[in-house]
Amino acid sequence: MPRAQADPNHPIFHVTAPAQWINDPNGPIFYKGYYHLFYQLHPFSDESGPKYWGHVRSRDLVKWEPLPIALWPSAEAGETEVWSGCCTVNGLGEPMAFYTSIGPGKPAFDHAEQWAAIGDDNLISWRKSPGNPVLSEALNGGTKIYDWRDPFIFHDQKNTFLVTGGHMAKEGRAAVNIYEAENPELTKWKYRGVMFQHPDAGAPTVECPNFFKLGNQWVLFVSPYGKVQYFVGDFDAETCRFRARTRGCLDYGPNFYAPNTMQVPDGRRLVWGWVGGFPGGHGWNGCLSLPRLLTLSRDGQLRQNPAPQLTKLRGKAVKFHNILLDNSTETVRMAGMKLPLKNNGVFLGIWNTNTIEIQAEIDMPTAKNFEMQIGDSKNTSPIVVSFNGTELQVMDVKAPLTLTGERKLNLRIFLDRSVLEVFANETVCITKTIPSHAAAANLKLHADGGSATAKLIQAWPMKTIW
């Protein structure tokens, strides 16, 4: 832990384990005044290995408290790993964690079981359900499901359902399967068949399905060994079938995967993803993304915004207004200074920090291209965010984006040492792990092919969540 915490690459406002390897977020739930987050943890190494469930909680989604490991393999019962899953409250009022149980000598792609554990009122102590496995392969009858894992509970009217990921044959037919609870304890289930078959022939499987309602529409998240996809459509509880009408990409970055969602007390829904791809050998590896608030547009497109509670982590703001970018370059040094440059640009100022939130509101009435460079270190390349009218690019990652109407580009950028998250116009998200930047943040703004105006540039140093 001391080595992990002292590492200058270690994020400070993203959820991490105290040390060692983490991956998928598991079982996010609001319970008795606390937001609880669990995550896949290998507690013996900063490399991937047998999985346990780590645990953190928060009163306000701002400050987080590390808690003891919640779930671990029950060796006496033949478990070797505790894989991803969800949390819910059963019909008896008991908190339950559902997860995929892996046993010795059983290939995960070919044989797994879905187990449950019952939690205490603090969700700190857990006991494995005497009904385990609560779902076994025998439940599927003659249907063989490969990569059968990652249970997720949802409710529709008075019914409780569970979906799992996987595919129906060794090659092809990636599908989400669905089960219906037959008792209040949620220990007896009935197989209802394939809820959704992935439309892409090349999708090898789907992991970590999340299925939930936003307004009057149903949303499905799947992680198909690649960029996380979402589908929006209609669910028929009688037939247990989901029909998608629109689809999209949750995050275009290479380092966001296996998201999991939570419904908060006011009915809104948040999502966290696993941020991976960090270099090894630092005593830690992996973190969770910032919490994102989910909504839908009228045409069924997903909207994502950083959770509003994150504004409480901000320090003192630096602001600049109405910077004209007419075929020119402006440099913003984030410390409140504005200095003229030889190329008719301006040097704007922030703080000596590499944990920053930046907000930019750019009007592009005629400009064809806009570019922002973050950082002025001689030892690392700047972070480059650019837009050419149809495509947003963050370093080497590209995402489709088209401006309509008044042609406004709104950016929210979070730099947390070695983690970068970019939100554009609520519709495009890009998450990327990067080399940790030196504690300095200058902005260089450039537009060409016409005029643009940086209506507002704001930046805040960000505080730790611990």
Protein backbone atom coordinates (compact mmCIF):
# COMPACT_ATOMS: atom_id res chain seq x y z
CA MET A 1 0.00 0.00 0.00
CA PRO A 2 2.66 2.63 0.79
CA ARG A 3 4.32 2.05 -2.59
CA ALA A 4 1.02 2.20 -4.46
CA GLN A 5 -0.16 5.33 -2.69
CA ALA A 6 3.18 7.11 -3.20
CA ASP A 7 3.30 6.40 -6.94
CA PRO A 8 3.02 9.73 -8.84
CA ASN A 9 0.86 7.99 -11.48
CA HIS A 10 -1.74 6.91 -8.91
CA PRO A 11 -5.11 8.69 -9.51
CA ILE A 12 -6.52 10.72 -6.62
CA PHE A 13 -10.12 11.41 -7.65
CA HIS A 14 -10.95 8.06 -9.26
CA VAL A 15 -11.89 5.06 -7.14
CA THR A 16 -8.99 2.65 -6.76
CA ALA A 17 -8.13 -0.22 -4.44
CA PRO A 18 -5.65 0.63 -1.68
CA ALA A 19 -3.18 -1.44 -3.72
CA GLN A 20 -2.94 -4.29 -6.24
CA TRP A 21 -5.00 -5.18 -9.31
CA ILE A 22 -8.65 -4.25 -9.89
CA ASN A 23 -10.99 -4.55 -12.86
CA ASP A 24 -14.79 -4.63 -13.27
CA PRO A 25 -17.03 -2.53 -11.01
CA ASN A 26 -19.50 -4.87 -9.28
CA GLY A 27 -22.79 -4.51 -7.47
CA PRO A 28 -23.18 -0.73 -7.10
CA ILE A 29 -26.12 -0.09 -4.77
CA PHE A 30 -27.51 2.66 -2.56
CA TYR A 31 -28.39 1.06 0.77
CA LYS A 32 -29.31 2.66 4.11
CA GLY A 33 -27.70 6.03 3.42
CA TYR A 34 -24.54 4.83 1.64
CA TYR A 35 -23.48 4.44 -1.96
CA HIS A 36 -21.67 1.10 -2.09
CA LEU A 37 -19.28 0.12 -4.87
CA PHE A 38 -17.61 -3.26 -5.22
CA TYR A 39 -14.96 -4.22 -7.75
CA GLN A 40 -12.99 -7.18 -9.00
CA LEU A 41 -9.79 -7.39 -6.94
CA HIS A 42 -6.69 -9.57 -7.01
CA PRO A 43 -5.34 -8.80 -3.54
CA PHE A 44 -2.00 -10.57 -3.90
CA SER A 45 -0.48 -8.83 -6.92
CA ASP A 46 -0.69 -5.79 -9.17
CA GLU A 47 -1.22 -8.23 -12.04
CA SER A 48 -4.42 -10.06 -12.89
CA GLY A 49 -5.13 -13.20 -10.87
CA PRO A 50 -7.89 -14.99 -8.93
CA LYS A 51 -10.68 -12.49 -8.27
CA TYR A 52 -12.26 -11.31 -5.02
CA TRP A 53 -14.68 -8.42 -4.40
CA GLY A 54 -13.14 -5.20 -3.05
CA HIS A 55 -15.43 -2.63 -1.45
CA VAL A 56 -15.75 1.15 -0.96
CA ARG A 57 -18.65 3.30 0.22
CA SER A 58 -19.63 6.96 0.24
CA ARG A 59 -22.28 9.17 1.78
CA ASP A 60 -22.22 11.73 -1.02
CA LEU A 61 -20.47 10.27 -4.11
CA VAL A 62 -17.60 12.66 -3.35
CA LYS A 63 -15.60 11.25 -0.46
CA TRP A 64 -15.07 7.48 -0.39
CA GLU A 65 -14.10 5.07 2.38
CA PRO A 66 -12.17 1.83 1.71
CA LEU A 67 -13.72 -1.19 3.42
CA PRO A 68 -12.57 -4.78 3.99
CA ILE A 69 -12.76 -7.30 1.17
CA ALA A 70 -16.43 -8.25 0.84
CA LEU A 71 -16.37 -11.59 -0.98
CA TRP A 72 -13.69 -14.18 -1.49
CA PRO A 73 -13.63 -17.75 -2.85
CA SER A 74 -15.07 -20.37 -0.48
CA ALA A 75 -12.41 -23.01 -0.96
CA GLU A 76 -14.29 -25.46 1.25
CA ALA A 77 -17.20 -25.24 -1.20
CA GLY A 78 -15.05 -25.68 -4.28
CA GLU A 79 -14.69 -22.05 -5.33
CA THR A 80 -11.48 -20.64 -6.74
CA GLU A 81 -12.69 -17.23 -7.95
CA VAL A 82 -15.54 -14.79 -7.33
CA TRP A 83 -16.33 -13.06 -10.62
CA SER A 84 -18.49 -10.07 -11.55
CA GLY A 85 -22.10 -9.52 -10.60
CA CYS A 86 -24.63 -7.22 -8.96
CA CYS A 87 -26.37 -6.37 -5.70
CA THR A 88 -30.07 -6.09 -4.90
CA VAL A 89 -32.51 -6.40 -2.01
CA ASN A 90 -34.67 -9.53 -2.03
CA GLY A 91 -38.31 -9.86 -1.10
CA LEU A 92 -37.41 -10.46 2.54
CA GLY A 93 -35.54 -7.15 2.74
CA GLU A 94 -32.12 -8.81 2.74
CA PRO A 95 -29.24 -7.36 0.70
CA MET A 96 -27.96 -9.94 -1.77
CA ALA A 97 -24.91 -10.09 -4.00
CA PHE A 98 -25.14 -12.25 -7.12
CA TYR A 99 -21.92 -13.27 -8.87
CA THR A 100 -20.37 -15.87 -11.12
CA SER A 101 -18.64 -18.62 -9.16
CA ILE A 102 -15.65 -20.36 -10.72
CA GLY A 103 -14.53 -23.75 -9.46
CA PRO A 104 -11.23 -25.65 -9.77
CA GLY A 105 -10.46 -27.28 -13.08
CA LYS A 106 -13.59 -25.88 -14.71
CA PRO A 107 -12.96 -23.69 -17.77
CA ALA A 108 -14.80 -20.42 -17.28
CA PHE A 109 -15.94 -20.36 -20.91
CA ASP A 110 -17.55 -23.79 -20.58
CA HIS A 111 -18.75 -24.17 -17.01
CA ALA A 112 -19.73 -21.66 -14.36
CA GLU A 113 -22.43 -21.20 -11.74
CA GLN A 114 -24.25 -18.16 -10.43
CA TRP A 115 -24.01 -17.85 -6.66
CA ALA A 116 -25.40 -15.45 -4.09
CA ALA A 117 -24.36 -14.07 -0.71
CA ILE A 118 -26.42 -12.33 2.00
CA GLY A 119 -25.06 -9.12 3.53
CA ASP A 120 -25.45 -7.49 6.92
CA ASP A 121 -26.92 -4.02 7.40
CA ASN A 122 -23.56 -2.39 6.62
CA LEU A 123 -22.87 -4.66 3.61
CA ILE A 124 -19.50 -5.37 5.24
CA SER A 125 -20.02 -8.97 6.38
CA TRP A 126 -21.39 -11.48 3.90
CA ARG A 127 -22.39 -15.13 4.15
CA LYS A 128 -22.79 -17.39 1.16
CA SER A 129 -26.37 -18.43 0.46
CA PRO A 130 -27.21 -21.99 1.54
CA GLY A 131 -29.11 -22.25 -1.74
CA ASN A 132 -25.95 -22.00 -3.88
CA PRO A 133 -25.72 -22.38 -6.74
CA VAL A 134 -28.84 -20.27 -7.17
CA LEU A 135 -28.51 -20.78 -10.93
CA SER A 136 -26.77 -23.82 -12.36
CA GLU A 137 -26.39 -25.05 -15.91
CA ALA A 138 -29.14 -27.61 -15.31
CA LEU A 139 -31.58 -24.69 -15.19
CA ASN A 140 -30.93 -24.05 -18.89
CA GLY A 141 -32.25 -27.46 -19.89
CA GLY A 142 -30.72 -28.54 -23.16
CA THR A 143 -29.52 -25.04 -24.02
CA LYS A 144 -25.73 -24.75 -23.86
CA ILE A 145 -24.48 -21.27 -23.00
CA TYR A 146 -20.77 -20.56 -23.19
CA ASP A 147 -19.14 -17.75 -21.19
CA TRP A 148 -22.25 -17.84 -18.98
CA ARG A 149 -21.55 -15.14 -16.42
CA ASP A 150 -22.01 -11.64 -14.95
CA PRO A 151 -25.56 -11.79 -13.50
CA PHE A 152 -27.52 -8.54 -13.35
CA ILE A 153 -30.87 -8.11 -11.56
CA PHE A 154 -33.68 -5.83 -12.75
CA HIS A 155 -37.34 -5.38 -11.89
CA ASP A 156 -40.37 -4.78 -14.06
CA GLN A 157 -43.63 -4.12 -12.25
CA LYS A 158 -43.81 -6.85 -9.58
CA ASN A 159 -41.47 -9.28 -11.31
CA THR A 160 -37.75 -9.77 -10.70
CA PHE A 161 -35.51 -10.83 -13.57
CA LEU A 162 -31.83 -11.68 -13.99
CA VAL A 163 -29.79 -11.46 -17.18
CA THR A 164 -26.46 -13.07 -17.97
CA GLY A 165 -23.91 -12.67 -20.73
CA GLY A 166 -22.44 -15.30 -23.02
CA HIS A 167 -22.94 -16.91 -26.39
CA MET A 168 -24.98 -19.84 -27.59
CA ALA A 169 -22.27 -21.73 -29.42
CA LYS A 170 -18.50 -21.83 -29.45
CA GLU A 171 -18.57 -19.51 -32.46
CA GLY A 172 -21.07 -16.72 -32.96
CA ARG A 173 -24.55 -15.97 -31.61
CA ALA A 174 -23.56 -13.69 -28.76
CA ALA A 175 -26.68 -13.32 -26.63
CA VAL A 176 -28.16 -12.09 -23.36
CA ASN A 177 -30.17 -14.76 -21.56
CA ILE A 178 -32.93 -14.01 -19.06
CA TYR A 179 -34.32 -15.68 -15.94
CA GLU A 180 -37.35 -14.94 -13.75
CA ALA A 181 -37.39 -15.27 -9.95
CA GLU A 182 -39.84 -17.82 -8.53
CA ASN A 183 -39.54 -16.99 -4.82
CA PRO A 184 -39.05 -13.84 -2.71
CA GLU A 185 -35.68 -15.09 -1.43
CA LEU A 186 -34.38 -15.00 -5.04
CA THR A 187 -32.93 -18.49 -4.72
CA LYS A 188 -35.19 -20.18 -7.29
CA TRP A 189 -35.23 -19.11 -10.91
CA LYS A 190 -36.84 -20.09 -14.20
CA TYR A 191 -35.05 -19.85 -17.55
CA ARG A 192 -37.01 -17.67 -19.97
CA GLY A 193 -34.68 -17.97 -22.97
CA VAL A 194 -32.68 -15.53 -25.07
CA MET A 195 -33.75 -11.96 -24.29
CA PHE A 196 -31.53 -10.38 -26.94
CA GLN A 197 -29.24 -11.70 -29.62
CA HIS A 198 -26.43 -9.39 -30.64
CA PRO A 199 -27.05 -8.22 -34.21
CA ASP A 200 -23.38 -8.22 -35.23
CA ALA A 201 -22.26 -11.52 -36.68
CA GLY A 202 -18.70 -10.89 -35.53
CA ALA A 203 -19.50 -10.33 -31.85
CA PRO A 204 -17.79 -13.27 -30.08
CA THR A 205 -19.73 -12.93 -26.82
CA VAL A 206 -21.26 -10.32 -24.54
CA GLU A 207 -20.02 -9.67 -21.03
CA CYS A 208 -21.44 -7.66 -18.13
CA PRO A 209 -24.98 -7.04 -19.44
CA ASN A 210 -26.81 -4.23 -17.64
CA PHE A 211 -30.52 -3.85 -18.39
CA PHE A 212 -32.53 -0.97 -16.95
CA LYS A 213 -35.17 1.63 -17.68
CA LEU A 214 -34.57 5.32 -18.44
CA GLY A 215 -37.89 7.11 -18.57
CA ASN A 216 -40.18 4.84 -20.55
CA GLN A 217 -37.45 3.18 -22.58
CA TRP A 218 -35.24 0.19 -21.82
CA VAL A 219 -31.46 0.31 -22.16
CA LEU A 220 -29.04 -2.59 -22.51
CA PHE A 221 -25.26 -2.31 -22.01
CA VAL A 222 -23.02 -5.10 -23.29
CA SER A 223 -19.24 -5.50 -23.35
CA PRO A 224 -18.36 -7.64 -26.39
CA TYR A 225 -14.58 -7.98 -25.89
CA GLY A 226 -14.30 -4.48 -27.31
CA LYS A 227 -15.85 -1.06 -26.96
CA VAL A 228 -18.94 -1.08 -24.73
CA GLN A 229 -22.17 -0.85 -26.70
CA TYR A 230 -25.65 0.28 -25.73
CA PHE A 231 -29.04 -0.55 -27.21
CA VAL A 232 -32.30 1.33 -26.56
CA GLY A 233 -35.72 -0.15 -27.17
CA ASP A 234 -38.72 -1.99 -25.76
CA PHE A 235 -39.04 -4.92 -23.34
CA ASP A 236 -41.98 -7.29 -23.23
CA ALA A 237 -42.20 -8.82 -19.75
CA GLU A 238 -44.61 -11.52 -20.96
CA THR A 239 -42.30 -12.93 -23.61
CA CYS A 240 -39.08 -11.69 -21.93
CA ARG A 241 -37.79 -10.31 -25.21
CA PHE A 242 -36.02 -7.01 -25.86
CA ARG A 243 -36.33 -5.26 -29.21
CA ALA A 244 -33.72 -2.57 -29.87
CA ARG A 245 -34.52 0.52 -31.92
CA THR A 246 -31.28 2.50 -31.58
CA ARG A 247 -27.72 1.69 -30.60
CA GLY A 248 -24.44 3.43 -29.90
CA CYS A 249 -21.04 3.33 -28.23
CA LEU A 250 -20.77 4.09 -24.52
CA ASP A 251 -17.10 5.12 -24.64
CA TYR A 252 -14.79 5.32 -27.66
CA GLY A 253 -11.58 5.05 -25.66
CA PRO A 254 -9.47 1.89 -25.49
CA ASN A 255 -9.42 1.70 -21.69
CA PHE A 256 -13.11 1.71 -20.63
CA TYR A 257 -14.86 -1.65 -20.17
CA ALA A 258 -17.37 -3.72 -18.18
CA PRO A 259 -19.55 -0.91 -16.78
CA ASN A 260 -22.06 -1.37 -14.01
CA THR A 261 -24.96 0.88 -13.04
CA MET A 262 -26.75 2.05 -9.90
CA GLN A 263 -30.17 3.62 -9.42
CA VAL A 264 -29.91 6.43 -6.88
CA PRO A 265 -32.70 7.49 -4.47
CA ASP A 266 -34.12 10.17 -6.79
CA GLY A 267 -34.60 7.57 -9.53
CA ARG A 268 -31.73 8.64 -11.73
CA ARG A 269 -29.07 6.17 -12.85
CA LEU A 270 -25.28 6.32 -12.61
CA VAL A 271 -22.67 4.20 -14.32
CA TRP A 272 -19.04 3.36 -13.55
CA GLY A 273 -16.63 1.53 -15.86
CA TRP A 274 -13.32 -0.24 -15.37
CA VAL A 275 -10.35 1.83 -16.53
CA GLY A 276 -7.49 -0.52 -17.44
CA GLY A 277 -4.34 -0.45 -19.50
CA PHE A 278 -1.90 0.91 -16.91
CA PRO A 279 1.75 -0.19 -16.86
CA GLY A 280 2.61 -2.87 -14.33
CA GLY A 281 5.06 -2.88 -11.48
CA HIS A 282 3.70 0.09 -9.51
CA GLY A 283 1.96 -1.76 -6.70
CA TRP A 284 -1.46 -0.93 -8.15
CA ASN A 285 -3.21 -1.38 -11.49
CA GLY A 286 -6.65 -0.22 -12.54
CA CYS A 287 -9.29 2.20 -11.33
CA LEU A 288 -12.96 2.94 -11.88
CA SER A 289 -14.18 5.72 -14.13
CA LEU A 290 -15.86 8.79 -12.76
CA PRO A 291 -19.56 8.26 -12.04
CA ARG A 292 -21.66 9.30 -15.03
CA LEU A 293 -25.29 10.38 -14.99
CA LEU A 294 -27.33 8.71 -17.74
CA THR A 295 -30.25 10.20 -19.67
CA LEU A 296 -31.81 9.68 -23.09
CA SER A 297 -32.50 12.15 -25.86
CA ARG A 298 -35.87 12.23 -27.60
CA ASP A 299 -34.50 10.18 -30.45
CA GLY A 300 -33.20 7.42 -28.17
CA GLN A 301 -29.54 8.40 -28.00
CA LEU A 302 -27.72 7.99 -24.71
CA ARG A 303 -26.53 11.13 -22.90
CA GLN A 304 -23.71 10.98 -20.36
CA ASN A 305 -22.56 13.68 -17.97
CA PRO A 306 -20.16 13.62 -15.04
CA ALA A 307 -22.15 13.18 -11.84
CA PRO A 308 -23.02 16.67 -10.54
CA GLN A 309 -21.59 15.82 -7.10
CA LEU A 310 -18.08 15.91 -8.61
CA THR A 311 -18.18 19.71 -8.57
CA LYS A 312 -17.54 19.48 -4.80
CA LEU A 313 -14.01 18.28 -5.57
CA ARG A 314 -13.14 21.52 -7.36
CA GLY A 315 -10.69 24.04 -5.98
CA LYS A 316 -10.56 27.71 -6.95
CA ALA A 317 -11.58 28.38 -10.55
CA VAL A 318 -9.69 30.16 -13.28
CA LYS A 319 -11.96 31.60 -15.99
CA PHE A 320 -11.52 33.25 -19.37
CA HIS A 321 -14.28 34.59 -21.59
CA ASN A 322 -14.72 35.32 -25.29
CA ILE A 323 -11.29 34.43 -26.69
CA LEU A 324 -11.43 35.04 -30.44
CA LEU A 325 -9.86 32.28 -32.54
CA ASP A 326 -9.83 33.56 -36.10
CA ASN A 327 -7.27 31.42 -37.95
CA SER A 328 -5.03 31.87 -34.91
CA THR A 329 -3.59 30.17 -31.87
CA GLU A 330 -4.24 31.20 -28.28
CA THR A 331 -2.33 29.78 -25.34
CA VAL A 332 -4.02 29.75 -21.96
CA ARG A 333 -1.76 29.46 -18.97
CA MET A 334 -3.99 28.34 -16.15
CA ALA A 335 -2.85 30.65 -13.39
CA GLY A 336 -4.93 33.64 -14.28
CA MET A 337 -2.40 35.26 -16.62
CA LYS A 338 -2.97 36.39 -20.18
CA LEU A 339 0.19 37.16 -22.13
CA PRO A 340 0.46 38.11 -25.83
CA LEU A 341 2.36 35.79 -28.14
CA LYS A 342 4.15 36.48 -31.40
CA ASN A 343 1.50 34.54 -33.33
CA ASN A 344 -1.26 36.83 -32.06
CA GLY A 345 -2.25 34.20 -29.48
CA VAL A 346 -2.75 34.59 -25.78
CA PHE A 347 -1.10 32.73 -22.92
CA LEU A 348 -3.71 31.89 -20.27
CA GLY A 349 -2.77 30.49 -16.73
CA ILE A 350 -3.93 27.39 -14.39
CA TRP A 351 -2.14 25.89 -11.40
CA ASN A 352 0.88 23.78 -10.87
CA THR A 353 -1.13 20.56 -10.85
CA ASN A 354 -1.94 17.51 -12.94
CA THR A 355 -5.31 16.74 -11.33
CA ILE A 356 -7.63 19.11 -13.18
CA GLU A 357 -11.10 19.56 -14.59
CA ILE A 358 -11.38 21.78 -17.67
CA GLN A 359 -14.60 23.06 -19.17
CA ALA A 360 -14.61 24.64 -22.62
CA GLU A 361 -17.50 26.19 -24.53
CA ILE A 362 -16.50 26.79 -28.14
CA ASP A 363 -18.63 28.48 -30.80
CA MET A 364 -17.62 27.43 -34.33
CA PRO A 365 -19.81 29.40 -36.76
CA THR A 366 -17.38 29.06 -39.68
CA ALA A 367 -14.19 27.41 -38.39
CA LYS A 368 -13.46 24.02 -39.93
CA ASN A 369 -11.06 22.85 -37.25
CA PHE A 370 -10.53 23.40 -33.54
CA GLU A 371 -7.68 22.10 -31.41
CA MET A 372 -6.80 22.23 -27.74
CA GLN A 373 -3.41 21.19 -26.35
CA ILE A 374 -3.05 20.54 -22.63
CA GLY A 375 0.34 20.61 -20.93
CA ASP A 376 3.69 22.24 -21.46
CA SER A 377 6.08 19.69 -20.00
CA LYS A 378 9.30 19.11 -21.90
CA ASN A 379 9.24 15.45 -20.81
CA THR A 380 5.78 14.45 -22.07
CA SER A 381 3.82 15.21 -25.21
CA PRO A 382 0.79 17.45 -24.77
CA ILE A 383 -2.70 16.03 -24.62
CA VAL A 384 -4.36 17.02 -27.90
CA VAL A 385 -8.12 17.28 -28.28
CA SER A 386 -9.29 18.28 -31.76
CA PHE A 387 -12.48 18.53 -33.79
CA ASN A 388 -12.85 18.80 -37.58
CA GLY A 389 -16.61 19.18 -37.95
CA THR A 390 -17.46 15.47 -38.08
CA GLU A 391 -14.98 13.81 -35.77
CA LEU A 392 -13.61 14.38 -32.27
CA GLN A 393 -10.07 13.19 -31.72
CA VAL A 394 -8.40 12.76 -28.32
CA MET A 395 -4.76 11.94 -28.94
CA ASP A 396 -4.97 8.79 -31.10
CA VAL A 397 -8.65 8.03 -30.42
CA LYS A 398 -11.34 9.14 -32.88
CA ALA A 399 -15.10 9.37 -32.39
CA PRO A 400 -17.89 10.57 -34.70
CA LEU A 401 -19.44 13.90 -33.66
CA THR A 402 -21.49 16.37 -35.68
CA LEU A 403 -22.51 19.85 -34.56
CA THR A 404 -26.00 21.02 -35.39
CA GLY A 405 -27.78 24.34 -35.15
CA GLU A 406 -25.49 26.98 -33.67
CA ARG A 407 -22.39 24.73 -33.97
CA LYS A 408 -21.34 24.71 -30.35
CA LEU A 409 -18.71 22.32 -28.96
CA ASN A 410 -18.92 21.78 -25.21
CA LEU A 411 -16.07 19.87 -23.57
CA ARG A 412 -15.60 18.53 -20.04
CA ILE A 413 -12.08 17.18 -19.57
CA PHE A 414 -10.80 15.42 -16.46
CA LEU A 415 -7.08 14.81 -16.03
CA ASP A 416 -6.18 12.68 -13.01
CA ARG A 417 -2.45 12.11 -13.33
CA SER A 418 -2.49 9.05 -15.61
CA VAL A 419 -6.23 8.93 -16.38
CA LEU A 420 -7.97 11.11 -18.97
CA GLU A 421 -11.76 11.31 -19.44
CA VAL A 422 -13.28 13.56 -22.08
CA PHE A 423 -17.00 14.35 -22.46
CA ALA A 424 -18.19 16.16 -25.61
CA ASN A 425 -21.71 17.54 -26.09
CA GLU A 426 -23.06 14.86 -23.72
CA THR A 427 -22.93 12.33 -26.57
CA VAL A 428 -19.27 11.30 -26.90
CA CYS A 429 -17.04 9.95 -24.13
CA ILE A 430 -13.41 8.96 -24.48
CA THR A 431 -11.42 7.36 -21.64
CA LYS A 432 -7.71 6.81 -21.99
CA THR A 433 -4.77 5.96 -19.76
CA ILE A 434 -1.79 8.22 -20.45
CA PRO A 435 1.73 8.82 -19.19
CA SER A 436 1.48 10.93 -16.06
CA HIS A 437 2.01 14.61 -16.86
CA ALA A 438 4.16 16.97 -14.88
CA ALA A 439 2.38 19.22 -12.41
CA ALA A 440 1.63 22.03 -14.86
CA ALA A 441 -1.26 22.66 -17.20
CA ASN A 442 -1.23 25.19 -19.99
CA LEU A 443 -3.87 25.32 -22.70
CA LYS A 444 -3.13 26.15 -26.30
CA LEU A 445 -6.23 26.82 -28.39
CA HIS A 446 -6.23 26.91 -32.18
CA ALA A 447 -8.86 27.29 -34.91
CA ASP A 448 -8.53 27.53 -38.66
CA GLY A 449 -10.65 27.56 -41.78
CA GLY A 450 -12.81 30.32 -40.34
CA SER A 451 -13.67 31.95 -37.05
CA ALA A 452 -14.36 30.43 -33.64
CA THR A 453 -14.78 31.86 -30.17
CA ALA A 454 -13.90 30.26 -26.87
CA LYS A 455 -16.94 31.67 -25.08
CA LEU A 456 -15.81 30.21 -21.78
CA ILE A 457 -12.71 28.40 -20.55
CA GLN A 458 -12.78 27.28 -16.92
CA ALA A 459 -10.39 25.10 -14.99
CA TRP A 460 -10.26 23.79 -11.45
CA PRO A 461 -7.66 21.84 -9.50
CA MET A 462 -9.30 18.66 -8.26
CA LYS A 463 -9.09 17.35 -4.70
CA THR A 464 -8.72 13.75 -3.58
CA ILE A 465 -11.77 11.58 -2.94
CA TRP A 466 -10.16 9.88 0.06
